Amino acid sequence: MAAGTVEADFVCARAGEYAVAVKGYSKPAQKVYGVAEIKIDGRTVGEVEVASPNSTQFAVGNATLSKGPHTVALRYTNDVQKDGEDRNLYINAVGFRAQE
């Protein structure tokens, strides 16, 4: 993923508190991995360093969602290409798990 933001619409089937996670990996540069910021409906849920060269799940934070349509946005915040190194971020999925 190049620096920038991707968005997707989704429908929440049940209102409640949800743990938000991303699954992905990144290629480090200058010993720092790619960082993803997650927003839902324009509100920041959290930011996470995707610190693995293999696809892994990373917790981002919690979000309170109402039943119905929402928009999730993922922003790659620290893209860099310097001294022959190129940091890249690869996101496979954004997931939600209901909290009890």
Protein backbone atom coordinates (compact mmCIF):
# COMPACT_ATOMS: atom_id res chain seq x y z
CA MET A 1 0.00 0.00 0.00
CA ALA A 2 1.38 3.39 -0.94
CA ALA A 3 0.84 6.33 1.40
CA GLY A 4 -2.82 7.19 1.43
CA THR A 5 -6.25 6.12 2.62
CA VAL A 6 -8.63 3.34 1.61
CA GLU A 7 -12.29 3.28 2.66
CA ALA A 8 -15.08 0.73 2.67
CA ASP A 9 -18.72 0.83 3.67
CA PHE A 10 -20.19 -1.87 5.91
CA VAL A 11 -23.40 -2.59 7.79
CA CYS A 12 -23.31 -3.34 11.51
CA ALA A 13 -25.94 -5.98 12.30
CA ARG A 14 -26.12 -5.26 16.03
CA ALA A 15 -25.33 -2.14 18.04
CA GLY A 16 -22.62 -2.51 20.64
CA GLU A 17 -18.97 -2.25 21.61
CA TYR A 18 -16.54 -3.91 19.17
CA ALA A 19 -12.83 -4.71 19.29
CA VAL A 20 -11.25 -3.59 16.02
CA ALA A 21 -8.26 -5.39 14.50
CA VAL A 22 -6.30 -5.44 11.27
CA LYS A 23 -4.63 -8.42 9.65
CA GLY A 24 -1.58 -7.71 7.57
CA TYR A 25 2.18 -7.33 7.36
CA SER A 26 4.77 -4.75 6.42
CA LYS A 27 8.29 -4.33 5.18
CA PRO A 28 10.35 -2.14 7.52
CA ALA A 29 12.65 0.71 6.58
CA GLN A 30 15.06 2.32 9.03
CA LYS A 31 13.99 -0.38 11.55
CA VAL A 32 10.38 0.87 11.60
CA TYR A 33 7.40 -1.07 10.26
CA GLY A 34 4.33 0.38 8.54
CA VAL A 35 1.71 2.12 10.68
CA ALA A 36 -2.03 1.95 10.02
CA GLU A 37 -4.58 4.39 11.43
CA ILE A 38 -8.20 3.21 11.56
CA LYS A 39 -11.21 5.54 11.56
CA ILE A 40 -14.88 4.67 11.64
CA ASP A 41 -17.29 7.34 10.43
CA GLY A 42 -14.47 9.88 10.67
CA ARG A 43 -13.60 9.10 14.30
CA THR A 44 -10.18 7.64 15.06
CA VAL A 45 -10.32 4.18 16.64
CA GLY A 46 -6.56 3.84 16.95
CA GLU A 47 -3.22 3.42 15.29
CA VAL A 48 -1.07 0.30 15.14
CA GLU A 49 2.43 -0.55 13.95
CA VAL A 50 2.04 -3.64 11.76
CA ALA A 51 5.33 -5.05 13.02
CA SER A 52 5.57 -8.38 11.22
CA PRO A 53 6.95 -9.58 7.88
CA ASN A 54 4.19 -12.25 7.90
CA SER A 55 0.42 -11.73 7.89
CA THR A 56 -0.60 -11.35 11.54
CA GLN A 57 -3.57 -9.91 13.43
CA PHE A 58 -3.04 -6.65 15.36
CA ALA A 59 -5.47 -5.09 17.84
CA VAL A 60 -6.28 -1.46 17.08
CA GLY A 61 -8.81 -0.39 19.70
CA ASN A 62 -12.51 -0.44 20.54
CA ALA A 63 -15.43 1.25 18.82
CA THR A 64 -19.06 1.73 19.80
CA LEU A 65 -21.21 1.12 16.75
CA SER A 66 -24.89 1.67 16.13
CA LYS A 67 -26.87 -0.79 14.05
CA GLY A 68 -26.77 0.16 10.37
CA PRO A 69 -24.35 1.56 7.79
CA HIS A 70 -20.85 2.81 8.60
CA THR A 71 -17.61 3.67 6.81
CA VAL A 72 -14.22 2.32 7.87
CA ALA A 73 -11.06 4.10 6.66
CA LEU A 74 -7.50 2.85 6.88
CA ARG A 75 -4.64 5.34 6.44
CA TYR A 76 -1.00 4.38 5.92
CA THR A 77 0.76 7.06 7.96
CA ASN A 78 4.51 6.48 7.64
CA ASP A 79 5.45 5.50 4.08
CA VAL A 80 9.13 6.15 3.35
CA GLN A 81 11.76 5.35 0.77
CA LYS A 82 15.26 6.31 1.93
CA ASP A 83 18.82 5.04 1.59
CA GLY A 84 17.75 2.10 -0.57
CA GLU A 85 15.00 1.00 1.86
CA ASP A 86 11.30 1.09 1.00
CA ARG A 87 8.74 0.68 3.80
CA ASN A 88 5.52 -0.98 2.62
CA LEU A 89 2.25 -1.90 4.31
CA TYR A 90 -0.02 -4.78 3.24
CA ILE A 91 -3.46 -5.09 4.86
CA ASN A 92 -5.48 -8.26 4.25
CA ALA A 93 -8.52 -7.41 6.40
CA VAL A 94 -10.10 -5.16 9.00
CA GLY A 95 -12.21 -7.08 11.52
CA PHE A 96 -14.71 -6.44 14.31
CA ARG A 97 -15.43 -8.65 17.33
CA ALA A 98 -18.37 -7.95 19.66
CA GLN A 99 -17.35 -7.30 23.27
CA GLU A 100 -19.41 -8.92 26.00
